[in-house]
Amino acid sequence: MVRTIITPTDTDVLLHINKEYIGKPIEITYLALDELEQKPVSKKTMADFWGVLSDETAEDMREEVKQSRKDWEERLKKQF
């Protein structure tokens, strides 16, 4: 994969395609970086899913998290 950022000085851009891509479909996309909408990512909590998940699914998720934490703590103890 080749990815680069350029600042064009004209309406035409010449691309060099690597030999390994010859004969393969490739995607070429362009966009202005200043047009990208940068939204801050907010952390989700279980409360954000209230009413979306069934009680059973929410309880299953809580149990999975609880078990994952327990497993993680056990691995940390083995390291030290």
PDB file of N, CA and C in Angstrom:
ATOM      1  N   MET A   1       0.852  -1.175   0.000  1.00  0.00           N
ATOM      2  CA  MET A   1       0.000   0.000   0.000  1.00  0.00           C
ATOM      3  C   MET A   1       0.891   1.227   0.000  1.00  0.00           C
ATOM      4  N   VAL A   2       0.500   2.183  -0.766  1.00  0.00           N
ATOM      5  CA  VAL A   2       1.204   3.455  -0.815  1.00  0.00           C
ATOM      6  C   VAL A   2       0.211   4.538  -0.428  1.00  0.00           C
ATOM      7  N   ARG A   3       0.603   5.356   0.532  1.00  0.00           N
ATOM      8  CA  ARG A   3      -0.245   6.480   0.940  1.00  0.00           C
ATOM      9  C   ARG A   3       0.662   7.682   1.123  1.00  0.00           C
ATOM     10  N   THR A   4       0.252   8.780   0.547  1.00  0.00           N
ATOM     11  CA  THR A   4       1.065   9.986   0.646  1.00  0.00           C
ATOM     12  C   THR A   4       0.158  11.208   0.651  1.00  0.00           C
ATOM     13  N   ILE A   5       0.690  12.315   1.122  1.00  0.00           N
ATOM     14  CA  ILE A   5      -0.035  13.588   1.110  1.00  0.00           C
ATOM     15  C   ILE A   5       0.745  14.537   0.215  1.00  0.00           C
ATOM     16  N   ILE A   6       0.044  15.176  -0.703  1.00  0.00           N
ATOM     17  CA  ILE A   6       0.682  16.138  -1.600  1.00  0.00           C
ATOM     18  C   ILE A   6      -0.073  17.454  -1.548  1.00  0.00           C
ATOM     19  N   THR A   7       0.584  18.498  -2.005  1.00  0.00           N
ATOM     20  CA  THR A   7      -0.071  19.785  -2.214  1.00  0.00           C
ATOM     21  C   THR A   7       0.033  20.073  -3.707  1.00  0.00           C
ATOM     22  N   PRO A   8      -1.048  19.851  -4.447  1.00  0.00           N
ATOM     23  CA  PRO A   8      -0.972  20.029  -5.898  1.00  0.00           C
ATOM     24  C   PRO A   8      -0.742  21.491  -6.282  1.00  0.00           C
ATOM     25  N   THR A   9      -0.010  21.670  -7.359  1.00  0.00           N
ATOM     26  CA  THR A   9       0.242  23.012  -7.888  1.00  0.00           C
ATOM     27  C   THR A   9      -0.500  23.229  -9.195  1.00  0.00           C
ATOM     28  N   ASP A  10      -1.254  22.209  -9.632  1.00  0.00           N
ATOM     29  CA  ASP A  10      -1.983  22.260 -10.888  1.00  0.00           C
ATOM     30  C   ASP A  10      -3.208  21.347 -10.736  1.00  0.00           C
ATOM     31  N   THR A  11      -4.057  21.329 -11.760  1.00  0.00           N
ATOM     32  CA  THR A  11      -5.243  20.473 -11.686  1.00  0.00           C
ATOM     33  C   THR A  11      -4.950  19.028 -12.077  1.00  0.00           C
ATOM     34  N   ASP A  12      -3.772  18.745 -12.566  1.00  0.00           N
ATOM     35  CA  ASP A  12      -3.387  17.388 -12.956  1.00  0.00           C
ATOM     36  C   ASP A  12      -2.285  16.875 -12.036  1.00  0.00           C
ATOM     37  N   VAL A  13      -2.348  15.579 -11.737  1.00  0.00           N
ATOM     38  CA  VAL A  13      -1.332  14.924 -10.914  1.00  0.00           C
ATOM     39  C   VAL A  13      -0.925  13.645 -11.630  1.00  0.00           C
ATOM     40  N   LEU A  14       0.370  13.395 -11.734  1.00  0.00           N
ATOM     41  CA  LEU A  14       0.885  12.187 -12.363  1.00  0.00           C
ATOM     42  C   LEU A  14       1.195  11.166 -11.274  1.00  0.00           C
ATOM     43  N   LEU A  15       0.661   9.964 -11.419  1.00  0.00           N
ATOM     44  CA  LEU A  15       0.891   8.908 -10.439  1.00  0.00           C
ATOM     45  C   LEU A  15       1.829   7.860 -11.012  1.00  0.00           C
ATOM     46  N   HIS A  16       2.740   7.390 -10.198  1.00  0.00           N
ATOM     47  CA  HIS A  16       3.578   6.254 -10.550  1.00  0.00           C
ATOM     48  C   HIS A  16       2.978   5.052  -9.835  1.00  0.00           C
ATOM     49  N   ILE A  17       2.605   4.024 -10.582  1.00  0.00           N
ATOM     50  CA  ILE A  17       2.009   2.824 -10.010  1.00  0.00           C
ATOM     51  C   ILE A  17       3.086   1.753  -9.903  1.00  0.00           C
ATOM     52  N   ASN A  18       3.255   1.192  -8.702  1.00  0.00           N
ATOM     53  CA  ASN A  18       4.250   0.136  -8.497  1.00  0.00           C
ATOM     54  C   ASN A  18       3.925  -1.089  -9.348  1.00  0.00           C
ATOM     55  N   LYS A  19       4.973  -1.808  -9.778  1.00  0.00           N
ATOM     56  CA  LYS A  19       4.795  -2.955 -10.666  1.00  0.00           C
ATOM     57  C   LYS A  19       3.854  -4.013 -10.088  1.00  0.00           C
ATOM     58  N   GLU A  20       3.900  -4.221  -8.763  1.00  0.00           N
ATOM     59  CA  GLU A  20       3.062  -5.268  -8.167  1.00  0.00           C
ATOM     60  C   GLU A  20       1.571  -4.954  -8.240  1.00  0.00           C
ATOM     61  N   TYR A  21       1.221  -3.719  -8.570  1.00  0.00           N
ATOM     62  CA  TYR A  21      -0.186  -3.343  -8.699  1.00  0.00           C
ATOM     63  C   TYR A  21      -0.691  -3.389 -10.138  1.00  0.00           C
ATOM     64  N   ILE A  22       0.194  -3.600 -11.095  1.00  0.00           N
ATOM     65  CA  ILE A  22      -0.207  -3.652 -12.499  1.00  0.00           C
ATOM     66  C   ILE A  22      -1.148  -4.837 -12.703  1.00  0.00           C
ATOM     67  N   GLY A  23      -2.274  -4.588 -13.341  1.00  0.00           N
ATOM     68  CA  GLY A  23      -3.251  -5.634 -13.613  1.00  0.00           C
ATOM     69  C   GLY A  23      -4.227  -5.883 -12.477  1.00  0.00           C
ATOM     70  N   LYS A  24      -4.070  -5.158 -11.370  1.00  0.00           N
ATOM     71  CA  LYS A  24      -4.972  -5.312 -10.229  1.00  0.00           C
ATOM     72  C   LYS A  24      -5.852  -4.076 -10.115  1.00  0.00           C
ATOM     73  N   PRO A  25      -7.092  -4.255  -9.643  1.00  0.00           N
ATOM     74  CA  PRO A  25      -7.916  -3.072  -9.377  1.00  0.00           C
ATOM     75  C   PRO A  25      -7.322  -2.304  -8.193  1.00  0.00           C
ATOM     76  N   ILE A  26      -7.193  -1.019  -8.315  1.00  0.00           N
ATOM     77  CA  ILE A  26      -6.709  -0.188  -7.217  1.00  0.00           C
ATOM     78  C   ILE A  26      -7.700   0.945  -6.981  1.00  0.00           C
ATOM     79  N   GLU A  27      -7.668   1.487  -5.782  1.00  0.00           N
ATOM     80  CA  GLU A  27      -8.549   2.599  -5.449  1.00  0.00           C
ATOM     81  C   GLU A  27      -7.717   3.870  -5.346  1.00  0.00           C
ATOM     82  N   ILE A  28      -8.199   4.926  -5.954  1.00  0.00           N
ATOM     83  CA  ILE A  28      -7.556   6.225  -5.868  1.00  0.00           C
ATOM     84  C   ILE A  28      -8.600   7.210  -5.359  1.00  0.00           C
ATOM     85  N   THR A  29      -8.322   7.836  -4.233  1.00  0.00           N
ATOM     86  CA  THR A  29      -9.249   8.764  -3.603  1.00  0.00           C
ATOM     87  C   THR A  29      -8.509  10.055  -3.301  1.00  0.00           C
ATOM     88  N   TYR A  30      -9.162  11.166  -3.450  1.00  0.00           N
ATOM     89  CA  TYR A  30      -8.538  12.402  -2.992  1.00  0.00           C
ATOM     90  C   TYR A  30      -9.540  13.256  -2.242  1.00  0.00           C
ATOM     91  N   LEU A  31      -9.048  13.951  -1.238  1.00  0.00           N
ATOM     92  CA  LEU A  31      -9.864  14.857  -0.434  1.00  0.00           C
ATOM     93  C   LEU A  31      -8.944  15.880   0.211  1.00  0.00           C
ATOM     94  N   ALA A  32      -9.493  17.026   0.515  1.00  0.00           N
ATOM     95  CA  ALA A  32      -8.721  18.074   1.183  1.00  0.00           C
ATOM     96  C   ALA A  32      -8.713  17.781   2.683  1.00  0.00           C
ATOM     97  N   LEU A  33      -7.544  17.734   3.274  1.00  0.00           N
ATOM     98  CA  LEU A  33      -7.428  17.399   4.685  1.00  0.00           C
ATOM     99  C   LEU A  33      -8.152  18.387   5.579  1.00  0.00           C
ATOM    100  N   ASP A  34      -8.225  19.652   5.147  1.00  0.00           N
ATOM    101  CA  ASP A  34      -8.911  20.630   5.987  1.00  0.00           C
ATOM    102  C   ASP A  34     -10.436  20.464   5.936  1.00  0.00           C
ATOM    103  N   GLU A  35     -10.927  19.609   5.039  1.00  0.00           N
ATOM    104  CA  GLU A  35     -12.359  19.352   4.967  1.00  0.00           C
ATOM    105  C   GLU A  35     -12.782  18.177   5.838  1.00  0.00           C
ATOM    106  N   LEU A  36     -11.820  17.440   6.369  1.00  0.00           N
ATOM    107  CA  LEU A  36     -12.156  16.323   7.241  1.00  0.00           C
ATOM    108  C   LEU A  36     -12.747  16.842   8.536  1.00  0.00           C
ATOM    109  N   GLU A  37     -13.859  16.269   8.913  1.00  0.00           N
ATOM    110  CA  GLU A  37     -14.499  16.679  10.154  1.00  0.00           C
ATOM    111  C   GLU A  37     -13.869  15.892  11.296  1.00  0.00           C
ATOM    112  N   GLN A  38     -13.200  16.568  12.179  1.00  0.00           N
ATOM    113  CA  GLN A  38     -12.524  15.943  13.304  1.00  0.00           C
ATOM    114  C   GLN A  38     -13.412  16.049  14.532  1.00  0.00           C
ATOM    115  N   LYS A  39     -14.110  14.982  14.848  1.00  0.00           N
ATOM    116  CA  LYS A  39     -14.964  14.972  16.030  1.00  0.00           C
ATOM    117  C   LYS A  39     -14.230  14.289  17.170  1.00  0.00           C
ATOM    118  N   PRO A  40     -14.284  14.869  18.350  1.00  0.00           N
ATOM    119  CA  PRO A  40     -13.671  14.172  19.482  1.00  0.00           C
ATOM    120  C   PRO A  40     -14.450  12.893  19.776  1.00  0.00           C
ATOM    121  N   VAL A  41     -13.716  11.856  20.073  1.00  0.00           N
ATOM    122  CA  VAL A  41     -14.342  10.567  20.356  1.00  0.00           C
ATOM    123  C   VAL A  41     -14.709  10.517  21.834  1.00  0.00           C
ATOM    124  N   SER A  42     -15.982  10.283  22.098  1.00  0.00           N
ATOM    125  CA  SER A  42     -16.409  10.207  23.483  1.00  0.00           C
ATOM    126  C   SER A  42     -16.427   8.746  23.908  1.00  0.00           C
ATOM    127  N   LYS A  43     -16.010   8.508  25.139  1.00  0.00           N
ATOM    128  CA  LYS A  43     -16.007   7.149  25.656  1.00  0.00           C
ATOM    129  C   LYS A  43     -17.428   6.748  26.019  1.00  0.00           C
ATOM    130  N   LYS A  44     -17.780   5.553  25.640  1.00  0.00           N
ATOM    131  CA  LYS A  44     -19.104   5.029  25.942  1.00  0.00           C
ATOM    132  C   LYS A  44     -19.059   4.252  27.255  1.00  0.00           C
ATOM    133  N   THR A  45     -20.127   4.335  27.989  1.00  0.00           N
ATOM    134  CA  THR A  45     -20.277   3.541  29.197  1.00  0.00           C
ATOM    135  C   THR A  45     -21.503   2.659  29.019  1.00  0.00           C
ATOM    136  N   MET A  46     -21.683   1.711  29.907  1.00  0.00           N
ATOM    137  CA  MET A  46     -22.845   0.840  29.824  1.00  0.00           C
ATOM    138  C   MET A  46     -24.147   1.657  29.884  1.00  0.00           C
ATOM    139  N   ALA A  47     -24.119   2.767  30.604  1.00  0.00           N
ATOM    140  CA  ALA A  47     -25.318   3.604  30.723  1.00  0.00           C
ATOM    141  C   ALA A  47     -25.765   4.141  29.356  1.00  0.00           C
ATOM    142  N   ASP A  48     -24.817   4.308  28.422  1.00  0.00           N
ATOM    143  CA  ASP A  48     -25.163   4.805  27.092  1.00  0.00           C
ATOM    144  C   ASP A  48     -26.028   3.812  26.316  1.00  0.00           C
ATOM    145  N   PHE A  49     -26.003   2.549  26.728  1.00  0.00           N
ATOM    146  CA  PHE A  49     -26.755   1.522  26.027  1.00  0.00           C
ATOM    147  C   PHE A  49     -28.045   1.142  26.749  1.00  0.00           C
ATOM    148  N   TRP A  50     -28.400   1.908  27.760  1.00  0.00           N
ATOM    149  CA  TRP A  50     -29.609   1.629  28.518  1.00  0.00           C
ATOM    150  C   TRP A  50     -30.815   1.674  27.581  1.00  0.00           C
ATOM    151  N   GLY A  51     -31.586   0.614  27.585  1.00  0.00           N
ATOM    152  CA  GLY A  51     -32.758   0.539  26.735  1.00  0.00           C
ATOM    153  C   GLY A  51     -32.472   0.008  25.347  1.00  0.00           C
ATOM    154  N   VAL A  52     -31.211  -0.080  24.964  1.00  0.00           N
ATOM    155  CA  VAL A  52     -30.839  -0.605  23.653  1.00  0.00           C
ATOM    156  C   VAL A  52     -30.569  -2.104  23.761  1.00  0.00           C
ATOM    157  N   LEU A  53     -29.884  -2.486  24.836  1.00  0.00           N
ATOM    158  CA  LEU A  53     -29.572  -3.892  25.074  1.00  0.00           C
ATOM    159  C   LEU A  53     -30.613  -4.506  25.996  1.00  0.00           C
ATOM    160  N   SER A  54     -30.860  -5.770  25.789  1.00  0.00           N
ATOM    161  CA  SER A  54     -31.759  -6.462  26.713  1.00  0.00           C
ATOM    162  C   SER A  54     -31.032  -6.651  28.046  1.00  0.00           C
ATOM    163  N   ASP A  55     -31.778  -6.854  29.094  1.00  0.00           N
ATOM    164  CA  ASP A  55     -31.166  -7.084  30.406  1.00  0.00           C
ATOM    165  C   ASP A  55     -30.250  -8.291  30.370  1.00  0.00           C
ATOM    166  N   GLU A  56     -30.661  -9.321  29.655  1.00  0.00           N
ATOM    167  CA  GLU A  56     -29.851 -10.540  29.553  1.00  0.00           C
ATOM    168  C   GLU A  56     -28.522 -10.261  28.851  1.00  0.00           C
ATOM    169  N   THR A  57     -28.558  -9.525  27.742  1.00  0.00           N
ATOM    170  CA  THR A  57     -27.336  -9.188  27.006  1.00  0.00           C
ATOM    171  C   THR A  57     -26.433  -8.315  27.857  1.00  0.00           C
ATOM    172  N   ALA A  58     -27.011  -7.349  28.549  1.00  0.00           N
ATOM    173  CA  ALA A  58     -26.209  -6.461  29.407  1.00  0.00           C
ATOM    174  C   ALA A  58     -25.539  -7.266  30.515  1.00  0.00           C
ATOM    175  N   GLU A  59     -26.255  -8.199  31.110  1.00  0.00           N
ATOM    176  CA  GLU A  59     -25.673  -9.025  32.180  1.00  0.00           C
ATOM    177  C   GLU A  59     -24.567  -9.915  31.623  1.00  0.00           C
ATOM    178  N   ASP A  60     -24.767 -10.476  30.442  1.00  0.00           N
ATOM    179  CA  ASP A  60     -23.724 -11.287  29.800  1.00  0.00           C
ATOM    180  C   ASP A  60     -22.464 -10.459  29.561  1.00  0.00           C
ATOM    181  N   MET A  61     -22.656  -9.209  29.115  1.00  0.00           N
ATOM    182  CA  MET A  61     -21.508  -8.330  28.872  1.00  0.00           C
ATOM    183  C   MET A  61     -20.785  -8.018  30.175  1.00  0.00           C
ATOM    184  N   ARG A  62     -21.522  -7.743  31.225  1.00  0.00           N
ATOM    185  CA  ARG A  62     -20.903  -7.464  32.529  1.00  0.00           C
ATOM    186  C   ARG A  62     -20.082  -8.653  33.010  1.00  0.00           C
ATOM    187  N   GLU A  63     -20.620  -9.852  32.822  1.00  0.00           N
ATOM    188  CA  GLU A  63     -19.898 -11.058  33.235  1.00  0.00           C
ATOM    189  C   GLU A  63     -18.624 -11.251  32.419  1.00  0.00           C
ATOM    190  N   GLU A  64     -18.700 -10.977  31.131  1.00  0.00           N
ATOM    191  CA  GLU A  64     -17.510 -11.081  30.273  1.00  0.00           C
ATOM    192  C   GLU A  64     -16.426 -10.107  30.721  1.00  0.00           C
ATOM    193  N   VAL A  65     -16.815  -8.879  31.014  1.00  0.00           N
ATOM    194  CA  VAL A  65     -15.860  -7.870  31.477  1.00  0.00           C
ATOM    195  C   VAL A  65     -15.259  -8.295  32.812  1.00  0.00           C
ATOM    196  N   LYS A  66     -16.091  -8.780  33.701  1.00  0.00           N
ATOM    197  CA  LYS A  66     -15.636  -9.227  35.015  1.00  0.00           C
ATOM    198  C   LYS A  66     -14.614 -10.358  34.872  1.00  0.00           C
ATOM    199  N   GLN A  67     -14.914 -11.324  33.994  1.00  0.00           N
ATOM    200  CA  GLN A  67     -13.995 -12.443  33.773  1.00  0.00           C
ATOM    201  C   GLN A  67     -12.705 -11.977  33.109  1.00  0.00           C
ATOM    202  N   SER A  68     -12.810 -11.060  32.163  1.00  0.00           N
ATOM    203  CA  SER A  68     -11.615 -10.528  31.492  1.00  0.00           C
ATOM    204  C   SER A  68     -10.698  -9.833  32.483  1.00  0.00           C
ATOM    205  N   ARG A  69     -11.275  -9.056  33.394  1.00  0.00           N
ATOM    206  CA  ARG A  69     -10.466  -8.372  34.411  1.00  0.00           C
ATOM    207  C   ARG A  69      -9.776  -9.383  35.316  1.00  0.00           C
ATOM    208  N   LYS A  70     -10.515 -10.414  35.698  1.00  0.00           N
ATOM    209  CA  LYS A  70      -9.951 -11.454  36.557  1.00  0.00           C
ATOM    210  C   LYS A  70      -8.785 -12.151  35.846  1.00  0.00           C
ATOM    211  N   ASP A  71      -8.988 -12.517  34.571  1.00  0.00           N
ATOM    212  CA  ASP A  71      -7.933 -13.164  33.790  1.00  0.00           C
ATOM    213  C   ASP A  71      -6.709 -12.260  33.665  1.00  0.00           C
ATOM    214  N   TRP A  72      -6.949 -10.988  33.432  1.00  0.00           N
ATOM    215  CA  TRP A  72      -5.857 -10.025  33.289  1.00  0.00           C
ATOM    216  C   TRP A  72      -5.051  -9.935  34.585  1.00  0.00           C
ATOM    217  N   GLU A  73      -5.726  -9.831  35.696  1.00  0.00           N
ATOM    218  CA  GLU A  73      -5.043  -9.744  36.984  1.00  0.00           C
ATOM    219  C   GLU A  73      -4.226 -11.002  37.255  1.00  0.00           C
ATOM    220  N   GLU A  74      -4.748 -12.170  36.892  1.00  0.00           N
ATOM    221  CA  GLU A  74      -4.012 -13.420  37.077  1.00  0.00           C
ATOM    222  C   GLU A  74      -2.756 -13.450  36.214  1.00  0.00           C
ATOM    223  N   ARG A  75      -2.854 -12.964  34.991  1.00  0.00           N
ATOM    224  CA  ARG A  75      -1.676 -12.903  34.104  1.00  0.00           C
ATOM    225  C   ARG A  75      -0.627 -11.965  34.665  1.00  0.00           C
ATOM    226  N   LEU A  76      -1.069 -10.842  35.218  1.00  0.00           N
ATOM    227  CA  LEU A  76      -0.117  -9.889  35.798  1.00  0.00           C
ATOM    228  C   LEU A  76       0.600 -10.497  37.002  1.00  0.00           C
ATOM    229  N   LYS A  77      -0.101 -11.243  37.821  1.00  0.00           N
ATOM    230  CA  LYS A  77       0.512 -11.889  38.971  1.00  0.00           C
ATOM    231  C   LYS A  77       1.571 -12.886  38.552  1.00  0.00           C
ATOM    232  N   LYS A  78       1.336 -13.608  37.454  1.00  0.00           N
ATOM    233  CA  LYS A  78       2.278 -14.606  36.955  1.00  0.00           C
ATOM    234  C   LYS A  78       3.555 -13.950  36.419  1.00  0.00           C
ATOM    235  N   GLN A  79       3.441 -12.732  35.931  1.00  0.00           N
ATOM    236  CA  GLN A  79       4.605 -12.026  35.385  1.00  0.00           C
ATOM    237  C   GLN A  79       5.553 -11.576  36.470  1.00  0.00           C
ATOM    238  N   PHE A  80       5.029 -11.275  37.633  1.00  0.00           N
ATOM    239  CA  PHE A  80       5.864 -10.718  38.696  1.00  0.00           C
ATOM    240  C   PHE A  80       6.030 -11.691  39.766  1.00  0.00           C
TER     241      PHE A  80
END
